[in-house]
Protein backbone atom coordinates (compact mmCIF):
# COMPACT_ATOMS: atom_id res chain seq x y z
CA MET A 1 48.01 -7.29 -32.67
CA SER A 2 46.49 -3.37 -32.03
CA THR A 3 48.48 -0.48 -33.62
CA GLN A 4 48.22 2.13 -30.19
CA SER A 5 51.31 4.19 -29.25
CA HIS A 6 52.50 4.04 -25.72
CA ILE A 7 51.34 7.37 -25.23
CA ASP A 8 47.54 6.78 -26.62
CA MET A 9 47.57 3.49 -23.91
CA HIS A 10 48.74 6.14 -21.24
CA HIS A 11 46.20 8.12 -21.48
CA ASP A 12 43.09 5.22 -21.79
CA HIS A 13 45.41 4.38 -19.07
CA ALA A 14 44.37 7.95 -17.21
CA SER A 15 41.26 7.75 -18.31
CA TRP A 16 40.37 4.85 -16.85
CA ARG A 17 42.23 5.58 -13.37
CA ASN A 18 39.12 8.64 -13.59
CA ASP A 19 36.95 6.16 -14.35
CA ASP A 20 37.57 3.85 -10.45
CA THR A 21 37.47 7.11 -8.94
CA MET A 22 34.59 8.49 -9.48
CA TRP A 23 33.06 4.47 -9.33
CA ARG A 24 35.11 4.01 -5.89
CA GLU A 25 32.75 7.28 -4.80
CA GLU A 26 29.79 6.46 -6.34
CA ILE A 27 30.25 3.40 -4.34
CA ALA A 28 31.29 5.23 -1.01
CA ILE A 29 27.65 7.23 -1.66
CA TRP A 30 25.66 4.18 -1.95
CA GLU A 31 26.94 2.51 0.70
CA ARG A 32 26.47 5.38 2.78
CA ASP A 33 23.04 5.55 1.24
CA VAL A 34 23.14 1.43 2.61
CA ASP A 35 24.02 2.05 5.72
CA HIS A 36 21.16 4.78 6.68
CA ALA A 37 19.16 2.09 5.37
CA LEU A 38 20.15 -0.33 7.85
CA LYS A 39 19.51 2.46 9.96
CA ASP A 40 16.04 2.90 9.21
CA LEU A 41 15.21 -0.35 9.44
CA PRO A 42 13.44 -0.78 13.17
CA ARG A 43 11.33 2.86 11.95
CA VAL A 44 10.82 1.12 8.82
CA GLU A 45 9.59 -2.10 9.76
CA LYS A 46 6.70 -0.09 12.65
CA ALA A 47 5.66 1.91 9.80
CA VAL A 48 4.81 -1.34 7.36
CA ARG A 49 3.96 -3.05 10.28
CA ALA A 50 1.79 -0.70 11.75
CA HIS A 51 -0.42 -0.70 7.90
CA ALA A 52 -0.39 -3.83 8.16
CA GLU A 53 -2.60 -3.66 10.73
CA LYS A 54 -4.53 -0.60 9.84
CA LEU A 55 -5.56 -3.54 6.31
CA GLN A 56 -6.78 -6.16 8.31
CA LYS A 57 -8.79 -3.62 10.20
CA HIS A 58 -9.79 -2.05 7.36
CA ALA A 59 -10.62 -5.73 5.91
CA ALA A 60 -12.55 -6.68 9.08
CA ALA A 61 -14.53 -3.65 9.19
CA ILE A 62 -15.97 -4.79 5.83
CA ARG A 63 -16.67 -8.21 6.44
CA LEU A 64 -18.63 -7.03 9.07
CA TYR A 65 -20.58 -4.63 7.16
CA GLU A 66 -21.13 -7.79 4.59
CA GLN A 67 -22.75 -9.55 7.44
CA ASP A 68 -24.70 -6.73 8.66
CA PHE A 69 -26.08 -6.05 4.74
CA GLY A 70 -26.30 -10.05 3.34
CA GLY A 71 -28.84 -10.12 7.05
CA HIS A 72 -30.77 -7.32 5.46
CA GLU A 73 -31.04 -8.89 2.16
CA HIS A 74 -32.27 -12.21 3.41
CA ASN A 75 -35.16 -10.29 5.79
CA LEU A 76 -36.34 -8.79 2.48
CA ALA A 77 -36.55 -11.56 0.82
CA GLU A 78 -37.77 -13.49 3.01
CA TYR A 79 -40.61 -10.61 3.67
CA GLU A 80 -40.74 -10.35 -0.59
CA ARG A 81 -42.02 -14.16 0.36
CA GLY A 82 -44.30 -13.51 3.20
CA GLU A 83 -42.05 -15.30 5.43
CA THR A 84 -41.29 -12.50 7.80
CA PRO A 85 -43.36 -10.35 10.82
CA LEU A 86 -41.23 -7.47 9.85
CA GLU A 87 -43.01 -4.55 7.82
CA LEU A 88 -41.90 -2.92 4.97
CA VAL A 89 -41.08 0.52 6.89
CA GLU A 90 -39.39 -1.36 9.61
CA GLN A 91 -37.06 -2.78 6.43
CA ALA A 92 -36.89 0.49 5.19
CA GLN A 93 -35.36 2.23 8.34
CA ASP A 94 -32.97 -0.68 8.19
CA HIS A 95 -32.32 0.07 4.40
CA GLU A 96 -31.68 3.43 5.75
CA ARG A 97 -29.69 2.72 8.52
CA GLU A 98 -27.45 0.26 6.04
CA SER A 99 -27.41 2.98 2.88
CA GLU A 100 -25.91 5.89 6.07
CA GLN A 101 -22.82 3.03 6.73
CA HIS A 102 -22.24 2.52 3.38
CA GLN A 103 -21.03 6.10 2.83
CA VAL A 104 -19.37 5.37 6.37
CA GLN A 105 -18.00 1.90 4.58
CA ARG A 106 -16.75 4.09 1.03
CA LYS A 107 -15.43 7.21 2.69
CA ALA A 108 -13.43 4.70 4.69
CA HIS A 109 -12.10 2.61 2.00
CA GLU A 110 -11.64 6.34 -0.03
CA GLU A 111 -9.06 6.95 2.63
CA MET A 112 -7.69 3.99 2.86
CA LYS A 113 -6.46 4.05 -0.53
CA LYS A 114 -4.88 7.54 -0.20
CA GLN A 115 -2.94 5.48 2.61
CA HIS A 116 -1.58 2.62 0.88
CA HIS A 117 -1.09 4.78 -2.43
CA VAL A 118 1.11 6.78 -0.39
CA PHE A 119 1.85 3.65 1.28
CA ALA A 120 3.28 2.02 -1.89
CA THR A 121 5.06 5.23 -3.21
CA LYS A 122 7.33 5.69 -0.54
CA TRP A 123 8.18 2.36 -0.04
CA ASN A 124 8.15 0.99 -3.87
């Protein structure tokens, strides 16, 4: 059995009441935070869906670019085997357009990466 005096026990109880009061105040603050977050859910959902749509469009643009790139690579291989009437000058012109398109895709991807990092920072 403990040897605490009744005065020590009263002090403990007073301290515990203070803790309880502080905890209730913190919980009230947290509940307000949750209420604000719940009210903000429609805006948050809209932002998340908009970001998901941007990601899907970006992925589709990359797939289209890959198809174009693959087509040129195929034509170049045919040229090297002598199986296509395209001349090297035409292949070089196609390649130059691809190079420009690649730079556009690179910039678009870097911008998407920045946007995603901002998004992930906000929501994680």
